[in-house]
Protein backbone atom coordinates (compact mmCIF):
# COMPACT_ATOMS: atom_id res chain seq x y z
CA UNK A 1 0.00 0.00 0.00
CA UNK A 2 1.08 3.53 -0.74
CA UNK A 3 0.67 6.11 1.99
CA UNK A 4 -0.94 9.36 0.87
CA UNK A 5 0.91 12.61 1.46
CA UNK A 6 -0.69 14.95 3.99
CA UNK A 7 1.37 18.10 3.52
CA UNK A 8 0.19 21.65 4.17
CA UNK A 9 -0.93 22.08 0.56
CA UNK A 10 -2.81 18.78 0.20
CA UNK A 11 -6.33 18.99 -1.34
CA UNK A 12 -5.71 22.50 -2.69
CA UNK A 13 -5.94 21.87 -6.46
CA UNK A 14 -9.07 24.01 -6.81
CA UNK A 15 -8.54 26.32 -3.84
CA UNK A 16 -5.08 27.58 -4.88
CA UNK A 17 -5.71 27.88 -8.59
CA UNK A 18 -5.16 31.09 -10.52
CA UNK A 19 -7.22 32.16 -13.49
CA UNK A 20 -5.30 32.01 -16.81
CA UNK A 21 -4.67 35.78 -17.11
CA UNK A 22 -3.61 36.06 -13.46
CA UNK A 23 -0.83 33.44 -13.70
CA UNK A 24 2.79 34.19 -12.89
CA UNK A 25 4.39 36.13 -10.11
CA UNK A 26 2.45 38.99 -8.46
CA UNK A 27 2.96 42.64 -9.32
CA UNK A 28 5.40 44.78 -7.36
CA UNK A 29 2.56 46.84 -5.86
CA UNK A 30 1.10 43.70 -4.32
CA UNK A 31 4.46 42.60 -2.91
CA UNK A 32 5.36 45.98 -1.40
CA UNK A 33 1.92 46.99 -0.10
CA UNK A 34 1.89 48.27 3.47
CA UNK A 35 -0.61 47.91 6.28
CA UNK A 36 -1.12 49.87 9.49
CA UNK A 37 -1.85 48.31 12.88
CA UNK A 38 -5.58 47.91 13.45
CA UNK A 39 -6.32 47.78 9.72
CA UNK A 40 -8.53 44.97 8.37
CA UNK A 41 -7.14 42.62 5.72
CA UNK A 42 -8.43 39.53 3.92
CA UNK A 43 -6.23 36.47 3.54
CA UNK A 44 -6.11 35.55 -0.14
CA UNK A 45 -3.29 33.07 -0.70
CA UNK A 46 -1.18 33.61 -3.82
CA UNK A 47 -0.07 30.12 -4.91
CA UNK A 48 2.87 31.42 -6.96
CA UNK A 49 4.60 32.72 -3.80
CA UNK A 50 5.39 29.97 -1.28
CA UNK A 51 7.15 32.15 1.30
CA UNK A 52 4.92 33.65 3.98
CA UNK A 53 1.97 31.52 2.95
CA UNK A 54 -0.57 30.80 5.73
CA UNK A 55 -2.30 27.42 6.06
CA UNK A 56 -5.13 26.82 3.60
CA UNK A 57 -7.64 26.65 6.47
CA UNK A 58 -7.36 30.46 6.77
CA UNK A 59 -8.02 31.17 3.06
CA UNK A 60 -10.71 33.84 2.67
CA UNK A 61 -10.83 34.89 6.33
CA UNK A 62 -10.60 38.52 7.37
CA UNK A 63 -8.36 39.56 10.23
CA UNK A 64 -6.83 42.57 11.94
CA UNK A 65 -3.20 43.59 11.48
CA UNK A 66 -1.57 43.38 14.93
CA UNK A 67 2.06 44.06 14.09
CA UNK A 68 4.97 43.39 11.77
CA UNK A 69 7.61 40.66 11.85
CA UNK A 70 10.35 41.24 9.32
CA UNK A 71 8.67 41.83 5.98
CA UNK A 72 5.57 39.82 7.04
CA UNK A 73 2.56 40.95 9.06
CA UNK A 74 0.99 39.51 12.18
CA UNK A 75 -2.71 39.01 11.48
CA UNK A 76 -5.18 38.17 14.23
CA UNK A 77 -7.98 35.94 12.94
CA UNK A 78 -11.00 34.65 14.83
CA UNK A 79 -11.80 30.96 14.26
CA UNK A 80 -14.76 29.86 16.32
CA UNK A 81 -14.22 31.21 19.84
CA UNK A 82 -10.44 31.54 19.61
CA UNK A 83 -8.22 34.27 18.24
CA UNK A 84 -5.17 33.07 16.35
CA UNK A 85 -2.19 35.15 15.28
CA UNK A 86 -0.81 34.28 11.85
CA UNK A 87 2.43 35.37 10.23
CA UNK A 88 1.47 36.25 6.66
CA UNK A 89 3.47 37.78 3.81
CA UNK A 90 2.03 40.90 2.14
CA UNK A 91 1.46 39.01 -1.16
CA UNK A 92 -1.20 36.92 0.60
CA UNK A 93 -3.12 39.88 2.04
CA UNK A 94 -5.75 42.10 0.46
CA UNK A 95 -6.87 45.42 1.90
CA UNK A 96 -10.47 45.67 3.06
CA UNK A 97 -12.60 48.54 1.80
CA UNK A 98 -13.12 51.04 4.63
PDB file of N, CA and C in Angstrom:
ATOM      1  N   UNK A   1       0.821  -1.198   0.000  1.00  0.00           N
ATOM      2  CA  UNK A   1       0.000   0.000   0.000  1.00  0.00           C
ATOM      3  C   UNK A   1       0.862   1.258   0.000  1.00  0.00           C
ATOM      4  N   UNK A   2       0.389   2.245  -0.697  1.00  0.00           N
ATOM      5  CA  UNK A   2       1.084   3.525  -0.743  1.00  0.00           C
ATOM      6  C   UNK A   2       0.419   4.465   0.254  1.00  0.00           C
ATOM      7  N   UNK A   3       1.218   5.176   1.009  1.00  0.00           N
ATOM      8  CA  UNK A   3       0.672   6.109   1.987  1.00  0.00           C
ATOM      9  C   UNK A   3       0.524   7.484   1.342  1.00  0.00           C
ATOM     10  N   UNK A   4      -0.659   8.068   1.478  1.00  0.00           N
ATOM     11  CA  UNK A   4      -0.940   9.356   0.866  1.00  0.00           C
ATOM     12  C   UNK A   4      -0.244  10.486   1.617  1.00  0.00           C
ATOM     13  N   UNK A   5       0.255  11.456   0.862  1.00  0.00           N
ATOM     14  CA  UNK A   5       0.915  12.613   1.460  1.00  0.00           C
ATOM     15  C   UNK A   5      -0.118  13.515   2.131  1.00  0.00           C
ATOM     16  N   UNK A   6       0.233  14.048   3.286  1.00  0.00           N
ATOM     17  CA  UNK A   6      -0.686  14.947   3.993  1.00  0.00           C
ATOM     18  C   UNK A   6       0.027  16.248   4.323  1.00  0.00           C
ATOM     19  N   UNK A   7       0.640  16.855   3.314  1.00  0.00           N
ATOM     20  CA  UNK A   7       1.366  18.103   3.519  1.00  0.00           C
ATOM     21  C   UNK A   7       0.428  19.279   3.724  1.00  0.00           C
ATOM     22  N   UNK A   8       0.995  20.463   3.898  1.00  0.00           N
ATOM     23  CA  UNK A   8       0.187  21.654   4.167  1.00  0.00           C
ATOM     24  C   UNK A   8      -0.612  22.097   2.949  1.00  0.00           C
ATOM     25  N   UNK A   9      -0.198  21.678   1.754  1.00  0.00           N
ATOM     26  CA  UNK A   9      -0.932  22.082   0.555  1.00  0.00           C
ATOM     27  C   UNK A   9      -1.739  20.937  -0.056  1.00  0.00           C
ATOM     28  N   UNK A  10      -2.014  19.896   0.720  1.00  0.00           N
ATOM     29  CA  UNK A  10      -2.806  18.784   0.195  1.00  0.00           C
ATOM     30  C   UNK A  10      -4.257  19.220   0.013  1.00  0.00           C
ATOM     31  N   UNK A  11      -4.922  18.692  -0.999  1.00  0.00           N
ATOM     32  CA  UNK A  11      -6.325  18.990  -1.344  1.00  0.00           C
ATOM     33  C   UNK A  11      -6.535  20.459  -1.708  1.00  0.00           C
ATOM     34  N   UNK A  12      -5.570  21.087  -2.353  1.00  0.00           N
ATOM     35  CA  UNK A  12      -5.713  22.504  -2.694  1.00  0.00           C
ATOM     36  C   UNK A  12      -5.708  22.741  -4.206  1.00  0.00           C
ATOM     37  N   UNK A  13      -5.981  21.719  -5.002  1.00  0.00           N
ATOM     38  CA  UNK A  13      -5.939  21.871  -6.456  1.00  0.00           C
ATOM     39  C   UNK A  13      -6.894  22.973  -6.933  1.00  0.00           C
ATOM     40  N   UNK A  14      -8.106  22.998  -6.405  1.00  0.00           N
ATOM     41  CA  UNK A  14      -9.070  24.011  -6.815  1.00  0.00           C
ATOM     42  C   UNK A  14      -8.916  25.302  -6.009  1.00  0.00           C
ATOM     43  N   UNK A  15      -8.612  25.163  -4.726  1.00  0.00           N
ATOM     44  CA  UNK A  15      -8.536  26.324  -3.838  1.00  0.00           C
ATOM     45  C   UNK A  15      -7.411  27.282  -4.231  1.00  0.00           C
ATOM     46  N   UNK A  16      -6.238  26.741  -4.554  1.00  0.00           N
ATOM     47  CA  UNK A  16      -5.084  27.579  -4.879  1.00  0.00           C
ATOM     48  C   UNK A  16      -4.820  27.593  -6.373  1.00  0.00           C
ATOM     49  N   UNK A  17      -5.862  27.831  -7.140  1.00  0.00           N
ATOM     50  CA  UNK A  17      -5.706  27.878  -8.589  1.00  0.00           C
ATOM     51  C   UNK A  17      -5.887  29.311  -9.053  1.00  0.00           C
ATOM     52  N   UNK A  18      -5.032  29.749  -9.963  1.00  0.00           N
ATOM     53  CA  UNK A  18      -5.155  31.088 -10.522  1.00  0.00           C
ATOM     54  C   UNK A  18      -5.890  31.012 -11.853  1.00  0.00           C
ATOM     55  N   UNK A  19      -6.581  32.080 -12.182  1.00  0.00           N
ATOM     56  CA  UNK A  19      -7.217  32.156 -13.494  1.00  0.00           C
ATOM     57  C   UNK A  19      -6.139  32.386 -14.543  1.00  0.00           C
ATOM     58  N   UNK A  20      -6.352  31.962 -15.791  1.00  0.00           N
ATOM     59  CA  UNK A  20      -5.301  32.009 -16.811  1.00  0.00           C
ATOM     60  C   UNK A  20      -4.598  33.362 -16.958  1.00  0.00           C
ATOM     61  N   UNK A  21      -5.305  34.471 -16.916  1.00  0.00           N
ATOM     62  CA  UNK A  21      -4.672  35.781 -17.107  1.00  0.00           C
ATOM     63  C   UNK A  21      -3.997  36.315 -15.845  1.00  0.00           C
ATOM     64  N   UNK A  22      -4.208  35.633 -14.728  1.00  0.00           N
ATOM     65  CA  UNK A  22      -3.605  36.060 -13.457  1.00  0.00           C
ATOM     66  C   UNK A  22      -2.332  35.275 -13.136  1.00  0.00           C
ATOM     67  N   UNK A  23      -1.965  34.319 -13.995  1.00  0.00           N
ATOM     68  CA  UNK A  23      -0.831  33.445 -13.702  1.00  0.00           C
ATOM     69  C   UNK A  23       0.498  34.184 -13.675  1.00  0.00           C
ATOM     70  N   UNK A  24       1.471  33.588 -13.005  1.00  0.00           N
ATOM     71  CA  UNK A  24       2.791  34.195 -12.892  1.00  0.00           C
ATOM     72  C   UNK A  24       2.964  34.865 -11.551  1.00  0.00           C
ATOM     73  N   UNK A  25       4.106  35.490 -11.385  1.00  0.00           N
ATOM     74  CA  UNK A  25       4.391  36.134 -10.105  1.00  0.00           C
ATOM     75  C   UNK A  25       3.569  37.412  -9.945  1.00  0.00           C
ATOM     76  N   UNK A  26       3.279  37.809  -8.694  1.00  0.00           N
ATOM     77  CA  UNK A  26       2.450  38.988  -8.456  1.00  0.00           C
ATOM     78  C   UNK A  26       3.170  40.283  -8.818  1.00  0.00           C
ATOM     79  N   UNK A  27       2.383  41.344  -8.965  1.00  0.00           N
ATOM     80  CA  UNK A  27       2.958  42.642  -9.320  1.00  0.00           C
ATOM     81  C   UNK A  27       3.722  43.219  -8.127  1.00  0.00           C
ATOM     82  N   UNK A  28       4.586  44.172  -8.407  1.00  0.00           N
ATOM     83  CA  UNK A  28       5.403  44.784  -7.357  1.00  0.00           C
ATOM     84  C   UNK A  28       4.535  45.532  -6.348  1.00  0.00           C
ATOM     85  N   UNK A  29       3.430  46.117  -6.787  1.00  0.00           N
ATOM     86  CA  UNK A  29       2.558  46.841  -5.859  1.00  0.00           C
ATOM     87  C   UNK A  29       1.946  45.898  -4.832  1.00  0.00           C
ATOM     88  N   UNK A  30       1.670  44.681  -5.245  1.00  0.00           N
ATOM     89  CA  UNK A  30       1.095  43.696  -4.323  1.00  0.00           C
ATOM     90  C   UNK A  30       2.149  43.222  -3.317  1.00  0.00           C
ATOM     91  N   UNK A  31       3.387  43.082  -3.777  1.00  0.00           N
ATOM     92  CA  UNK A  31       4.464  42.596  -2.911  1.00  0.00           C
ATOM     93  C   UNK A  31       4.864  43.648  -1.880  1.00  0.00           C
ATOM     94  N   UNK A  32       4.885  44.919  -2.283  1.00  0.00           N
ATOM     95  CA  UNK A  32       5.360  45.985  -1.402  1.00  0.00           C
ATOM     96  C   UNK A  32       4.241  46.774  -0.727  1.00  0.00           C
ATOM     97  N   UNK A  33       3.002  46.262  -0.747  1.00  0.00           N
ATOM     98  CA  UNK A  33       1.917  46.989  -0.101  1.00  0.00           C
ATOM     99  C   UNK A  33       2.131  47.028   1.412  1.00  0.00           C
ATOM    100  N   UNK A  34       1.695  48.096   2.036  1.00  0.00           N
ATOM    101  CA  UNK A  34       1.893  48.270   3.472  1.00  0.00           C
ATOM    102  C   UNK A  34       0.552  48.324   4.183  1.00  0.00           C
ATOM    103  N   UNK A  35       0.581  47.911   5.437  1.00  0.00           N
ATOM    104  CA  UNK A  35      -0.614  47.912   6.276  1.00  0.00           C
ATOM    105  C   UNK A  35      -0.283  48.597   7.594  1.00  0.00           C
ATOM    106  N   UNK A  36      -1.270  49.246   8.174  1.00  0.00           N
ATOM    107  CA  UNK A  36      -1.116  49.873   9.485  1.00  0.00           C
ATOM    108  C   UNK A  36      -1.719  48.956  10.544  1.00  0.00           C
ATOM    109  N   UNK A  37      -1.275  49.104  11.796  1.00  0.00           N
ATOM    110  CA  UNK A  37      -1.847  48.313  12.881  1.00  0.00           C
ATOM    111  C   UNK A  37      -3.308  48.685  13.056  1.00  0.00           C
ATOM    112  N   UNK A  38      -4.143  47.692  13.275  1.00  0.00           N
ATOM    113  CA  UNK A  38      -5.575  47.910  13.450  1.00  0.00           C
ATOM    114  C   UNK A  38      -6.361  47.864  12.153  1.00  0.00           C
ATOM    115  N   UNK A  39      -5.664  47.813  11.033  1.00  0.00           N
ATOM    116  CA  UNK A  39      -6.322  47.777   9.721  1.00  0.00           C
ATOM    117  C   UNK A  39      -6.827  46.366   9.446  1.00  0.00           C
ATOM    118  N   UNK A  40      -7.960  46.267   8.733  1.00  0.00           N
ATOM    119  CA  UNK A  40      -8.534  44.965   8.375  1.00  0.00           C
ATOM    120  C   UNK A  40      -7.947  44.503   7.050  1.00  0.00           C
ATOM    121  N   UNK A  41      -7.687  43.190   6.950  1.00  0.00           N
ATOM    122  CA  UNK A  41      -7.144  42.621   5.718  1.00  0.00           C
ATOM    123  C   UNK A  41      -7.694  41.218   5.519  1.00  0.00           C
ATOM    124  N   UNK A  42      -7.970  40.878   4.263  1.00  0.00           N
ATOM    125  CA  UNK A  42      -8.426  39.531   3.925  1.00  0.00           C
ATOM    126  C   UNK A  42      -7.228  38.685   3.562  1.00  0.00           C
ATOM    127  N   UNK A  43      -7.297  37.394   3.895  1.00  0.00           N
ATOM    128  CA  UNK A  43      -6.231  36.467   3.536  1.00  0.00           C
ATOM    129  C   UNK A  43      -6.616  35.790   2.234  1.00  0.00           C
ATOM    130  N   UNK A  44      -5.897  36.145   1.176  1.00  0.00           N
ATOM    131  CA  UNK A  44      -6.109  35.550  -0.143  1.00  0.00           C
ATOM    132  C   UNK A  44      -4.758  34.997  -0.573  1.00  0.00           C
ATOM    133  N   UNK A  45      -4.582  33.700  -0.453  1.00  0.00           N
ATOM    134  CA  UNK A  45      -3.287  33.072  -0.700  1.00  0.00           C
ATOM    135  C   UNK A  45      -2.920  33.129  -2.174  1.00  0.00           C
ATOM    136  N   UNK A  46      -1.704  33.595  -2.457  1.00  0.00           N
ATOM    137  CA  UNK A  46      -1.179  33.615  -3.819  1.00  0.00           C
ATOM    138  C   UNK A  46      -0.331  32.355  -3.991  1.00  0.00           C
ATOM    139  N   UNK A  47      -0.783  31.392  -4.807  1.00  0.00           N
ATOM    140  CA  UNK A  47      -0.073  30.120  -4.914  1.00  0.00           C
ATOM    141  C   UNK A  47       1.297  30.215  -5.572  1.00  0.00           C
ATOM    142  N   UNK A  48       1.577  31.308  -6.298  1.00  0.00           N
ATOM    143  CA  UNK A  48       2.869  31.425  -6.965  1.00  0.00           C
ATOM    144  C   UNK A  48       3.978  31.850  -6.005  1.00  0.00           C
ATOM    145  N   UNK A  49       3.615  32.322  -4.800  1.00  0.00           N
ATOM    146  CA  UNK A  49       4.597  32.723  -3.796  1.00  0.00           C
ATOM    147  C   UNK A  49       4.457  31.777  -2.612  1.00  0.00           C
ATOM    148  N   UNK A  50       5.478  30.954  -2.351  1.00  0.00           N
ATOM    149  CA  UNK A  50       5.392  29.973  -1.285  1.00  0.00           C
ATOM    150  C   UNK A  50       5.800  30.548   0.066  1.00  0.00           C
ATOM    151  N   UNK A  51       6.658  31.569   0.049  1.00  0.00           N
ATOM    152  CA  UNK A  51       7.150  32.146   1.298  1.00  0.00           C
ATOM    153  C   UNK A  51       6.056  32.994   1.950  1.00  0.00           C
ATOM    154  N   UNK A  52       5.890  32.855   3.240  1.00  0.00           N
ATOM    155  CA  UNK A  52       4.920  33.652   3.978  1.00  0.00           C
ATOM    156  C   UNK A  52       3.489  33.231   3.751  1.00  0.00           C
ATOM    157  N   UNK A  53       3.305  32.001   3.281  1.00  0.00           N
ATOM    158  CA  UNK A  53       1.968  31.519   2.955  1.00  0.00           C
ATOM    159  C   UNK A  53       1.308  30.922   4.204  1.00  0.00           C
ATOM    160  N   UNK A  54       0.108  31.399   4.577  1.00  0.00           N
ATOM    161  CA  UNK A  54      -0.568  30.798   5.728  1.00  0.00           C
ATOM    162  C   UNK A  54      -1.185  29.446   5.348  1.00  0.00           C
ATOM    163  N   UNK A  55      -1.660  28.717   6.321  1.00  0.00           N
ATOM    164  CA  UNK A  55      -2.300  27.424   6.062  1.00  0.00           C
ATOM    165  C   UNK A  55      -3.592  27.649   5.280  1.00  0.00           C
ATOM    166  N   UNK A  56      -3.963  26.676   4.465  1.00  0.00           N
ATOM    167  CA  UNK A  56      -5.132  26.820   3.601  1.00  0.00           C
ATOM    168  C   UNK A  56      -6.431  26.959   4.379  1.00  0.00           C
ATOM    169  N   UNK A  57      -6.442  26.537   5.639  1.00  0.00           N
ATOM    170  CA  UNK A  57      -7.639  26.647   6.472  1.00  0.00           C
ATOM    171  C   UNK A  57      -8.053  28.116   6.672  1.00  0.00           C
ATOM    172  N   UNK A  58      -7.080  29.045   6.542  1.00  0.00           N
ATOM    173  CA  UNK A  58      -7.361  30.459   6.773  1.00  0.00           C
ATOM    174  C   UNK A  58      -7.660  31.225   5.487  1.00  0.00           C
ATOM    175  N   UNK A  59      -7.751  30.534   4.356  1.00  0.00           N
ATOM    176  CA  UNK A  59      -8.021  31.174   3.061  1.00  0.00           C
ATOM    177  C   UNK A  59      -9.387  31.843   3.107  1.00  0.00           C
ATOM    178  N   UNK A  60      -9.450  33.120   2.744  1.00  0.00           N
ATOM    179  CA  UNK A  60     -10.713  33.840   2.672  1.00  0.00           C
ATOM    180  C   UNK A  60     -11.153  34.504   3.956  1.00  0.00           C
ATOM    181  N   UNK A  61     -10.444  34.276   5.071  1.00  0.00           N
ATOM    182  CA  UNK A  61     -10.832  34.893   6.331  1.00  0.00           C
ATOM    183  C   UNK A  61     -10.326  36.330   6.397  1.00  0.00           C
ATOM    184  N   UNK A  62     -11.005  37.133   7.172  1.00  0.00           N
ATOM    185  CA  UNK A  62     -10.600  38.520   7.367  1.00  0.00           C
ATOM    186  C   UNK A  62     -10.085  38.678   8.784  1.00  0.00           C
ATOM    187  N   UNK A  63      -8.957  39.357   8.919  1.00  0.00           N
ATOM    188  CA  UNK A  63      -8.357  39.562  10.227  1.00  0.00           C
ATOM    189  C   UNK A  63      -7.883  40.986  10.417  1.00  0.00           C
ATOM    190  N   UNK A  64      -7.350  41.249  11.592  1.00  0.00           N
ATOM    191  CA  UNK A  64      -6.834  42.569  11.937  1.00  0.00           C
ATOM    192  C   UNK A  64      -5.319  42.510  12.002  1.00  0.00           C
ATOM    193  N   UNK A  65      -4.663  43.511  11.422  1.00  0.00           N
ATOM    194  CA  UNK A  65      -3.200  43.595  11.478  1.00  0.00           C
ATOM    195  C   UNK A  65      -2.810  43.994  12.902  1.00  0.00           C
ATOM    196  N   UNK A  66      -1.981  43.152  13.543  1.00  0.00           N
ATOM    197  CA  UNK A  66      -1.575  43.383  14.925  1.00  0.00           C
ATOM    198  C   UNK A  66      -0.176  43.975  14.993  1.00  0.00           C
ATOM    199  N   UNK A  67       0.691  43.576  14.076  1.00  0.00           N
ATOM    200  CA  UNK A  67       2.063  44.061  14.089  1.00  0.00           C
ATOM    201  C   UNK A  67       2.799  43.598  12.853  1.00  0.00           C
ATOM    202  N   UNK A  68       4.127  43.778  12.885  1.00  0.00           N
ATOM    203  CA  UNK A  68       4.967  43.389  11.770  1.00  0.00           C
ATOM    204  C   UNK A  68       6.116  42.538  12.280  1.00  0.00           C
ATOM    205  N   UNK A  69       6.499  41.533  11.496  1.00  0.00           N
ATOM    206  CA  UNK A  69       7.615  40.662  11.850  1.00  0.00           C
ATOM    207  C   UNK A  69       8.461  40.482  10.601  1.00  0.00           C
ATOM    208  N   UNK A  70       9.541  41.228  10.530  1.00  0.00           N
ATOM    209  CA  UNK A  70      10.354  41.236   9.318  1.00  0.00           C
ATOM    210  C   UNK A  70       9.576  41.915   8.213  1.00  0.00           C
ATOM    211  N   UNK A  71       9.460  41.255   7.058  1.00  0.00           N
ATOM    212  CA  UNK A  71       8.666  41.827   5.975  1.00  0.00           C
ATOM    213  C   UNK A  71       7.222  41.341   6.033  1.00  0.00           C
ATOM    214  N   UNK A  72       6.925  40.369   6.918  1.00  0.00           N
ATOM    215  CA  UNK A  72       5.572  39.816   7.039  1.00  0.00           C
ATOM    216  C   UNK A  72       4.771  40.574   8.101  1.00  0.00           C
ATOM    217  N   UNK A  73       3.468  40.306   8.111  1.00  0.00           N
ATOM    218  CA  UNK A  73       2.562  40.951   9.057  1.00  0.00           C
ATOM    219  C   UNK A  73       1.950  39.920   9.988  1.00  0.00           C
ATOM    220  N   UNK A  74       1.683  40.346  11.214  1.00  0.00           N
ATOM    221  CA  UNK A  74       0.989  39.507  12.180  1.00  0.00           C
ATOM    222  C   UNK A  74      -0.498  39.826  12.055  1.00  0.00           C
ATOM    223  N   UNK A  75      -1.282  38.829  11.704  1.00  0.00           N
ATOM    224  CA  UNK A  75      -2.710  39.006  11.478  1.00  0.00           C
ATOM    225  C   UNK A  75      -3.468  38.193  12.509  1.00  0.00           C
ATOM    226  N   UNK A  76      -4.373  38.854  13.232  1.00  0.00           N
ATOM    227  CA  UNK A  76      -5.180  38.168  14.227  1.00  0.00           C
ATOM    228  C   UNK A  76      -6.510  37.781  13.586  1.00  0.00           C
ATOM    229  N   UNK A  77      -6.784  36.469  13.577  1.00  0.00           N
ATOM    230  CA  UNK A  77      -7.984  35.939  12.940  1.00  0.00           C
ATOM    231  C   UNK A  77      -8.809  35.211  13.986  1.00  0.00           C
ATOM    232  N   UNK A  78     -10.117  35.348  13.893  1.00  0.00           N
ATOM    233  CA  UNK A  78     -11.003  34.649  14.825  1.00  0.00           C
ATOM    234  C   UNK A  78     -11.528  33.386  14.147  1.00  0.00           C
ATOM    235  N   UNK A  79     -11.260  32.233  14.748  1.00  0.00           N
ATOM    236  CA  UNK A  79     -11.795  30.961  14.258  1.00  0.00           C
ATOM    237  C   UNK A  79     -12.598  30.352  15.391  1.00  0.00           C
ATOM    238  N   UNK A  80     -13.903  30.349  15.235  1.00  0.00           N
ATOM    239  CA  UNK A  80     -14.760  29.865  16.316  1.00  0.00           C
ATOM    240  C   UNK A  80     -14.696  30.826  17.481  1.00  0.00           C
ATOM    241  N   UNK A  81     -14.311  30.346  18.658  1.00  0.00           N
ATOM    242  CA  UNK A  81     -14.221  31.210  19.841  1.00  0.00           C
ATOM    243  C   UNK A  81     -12.810  31.675  20.128  1.00  0.00           C
ATOM    244  N   UNK A  82     -11.830  31.204  19.332  1.00  0.00           N
ATOM    245  CA  UNK A  82     -10.440  31.538  19.611  1.00  0.00           C
ATOM    246  C   UNK A  82      -9.908  32.564  18.633  1.00  0.00           C
ATOM    247  N   UNK A  83      -8.948  33.346  19.106  1.00  0.00           N
ATOM    248  CA  UNK A  83      -8.223  34.274  18.238  1.00  0.00           C
ATOM    249  C   UNK A  83      -6.851  33.669  17.978  1.00  0.00           C
ATOM    250  N   UNK A  84      -6.475  33.617  16.708  1.00  0.00           N
ATOM    251  CA  UNK A  84      -5.173  33.074  16.346  1.00  0.00           C
ATOM    252  C   UNK A  84      -4.371  34.153  15.653  1.00  0.00           C
ATOM    253  N   UNK A  85      -3.079  34.191  15.918  1.00  0.00           N
ATOM    254  CA  UNK A  85      -2.191  35.151  15.283  1.00  0.00           C
ATOM    255  C   UNK A  85      -1.383  34.427  14.215  1.00  0.00           C
ATOM    256  N   UNK A  86      -1.500  34.890  12.982  1.00  0.00           N
ATOM    257  CA  UNK A  86      -0.814  34.280  11.845  1.00  0.00           C
ATOM    258  C   UNK A  86       0.297  35.197  11.369  1.00  0.00           C
ATOM    259  N   UNK A  87       1.357  34.606  10.852  1.00  0.00           N
ATOM    260  CA  UNK A  87       2.434  35.369  10.228  1.00  0.00           C
ATOM    261  C   UNK A  87       2.242  35.215   8.724  1.00  0.00           C
ATOM    262  N   UNK A  88       1.864  36.308   8.066  1.00  0.00           N
ATOM    263  CA  UNK A  88       1.474  36.254   6.661  1.00  0.00           C
ATOM    264  C   UNK A  88       2.259  37.286   5.860  1.00  0.00           C
ATOM    265  N   UNK A  89       2.777  36.867   4.710  1.00  0.00           N
ATOM    266  CA  UNK A  89       3.471  37.781   3.812  1.00  0.00           C
ATOM    267  C   UNK A  89       2.495  38.728   3.141  1.00  0.00           C
ATOM    268  N   UNK A  90       2.940  39.910   2.734  1.00  0.00           N
ATOM    269  CA  UNK A  90       2.031  40.903   2.136  1.00  0.00           C
ATOM    270  C   UNK A  90       1.402  40.452   0.820  1.00  0.00           C
ATOM    271  N   UNK A  91       2.023  39.485   0.107  1.00  0.00           N
ATOM    272  CA  UNK A  91       1.456  39.009  -1.157  1.00  0.00           C
ATOM    273  C   UNK A  91       0.152  38.261  -0.925  1.00  0.00           C
ATOM    274  N   UNK A  92      -0.031  37.744   0.291  1.00  0.00           N
ATOM    275  CA  UNK A  92      -1.197  36.924   0.596  1.00  0.00           C
ATOM    276  C   UNK A  92      -2.285  37.712   1.322  1.00  0.00           C
ATOM    277  N   UNK A  93      -2.134  39.030   1.387  1.00  0.00           N
ATOM    278  CA  UNK A  93      -3.118  39.880   2.041  1.00  0.00           C
ATOM    279  C   UNK A  93      -3.760  40.833   1.046  1.00  0.00           C
ATOM    280  N   UNK A  94      -5.012  41.170   1.305  1.00  0.00           N
ATOM    281  CA  UNK A  94      -5.751  42.100   0.458  1.00  0.00           C
ATOM    282  C   UNK A  94      -6.438  43.105   1.365  1.00  0.00           C
ATOM    283  N   UNK A  95      -6.281  44.388   1.066  1.00  0.00           N
ATOM    284  CA  UNK A  95      -6.868  45.423   1.904  1.00  0.00           C
ATOM    285  C   UNK A  95      -8.382  45.377   1.842  1.00  0.00           C
ATOM    286  N   UNK A  96      -9.022  45.610   2.989  1.00  0.00           N
ATOM    287  CA  UNK A  96     -10.472  45.667   3.062  1.00  0.00           C
ATOM    288  C   UNK A  96     -10.928  47.089   2.771  1.00  0.00           C
ATOM    289  N   UNK A  97     -12.042  47.222   2.078  1.00  0.00           N
ATOM    290  CA  UNK A  97     -12.598  48.542   1.803  1.00  0.00           C
ATOM    291  C   UNK A  97     -13.101  49.146   3.113  1.00  0.00           C
ATOM    292  N   UNK A  98     -12.765  50.392   3.357  1.00  0.00           N
ATOM    293  CA  UNK A  98     -13.121  51.041   4.627  1.00  0.00           C
ATOM    294  C   UNK A  98     -14.567  51.426   4.691  1.00  0.00           C
TER     295      UNK A  98
END
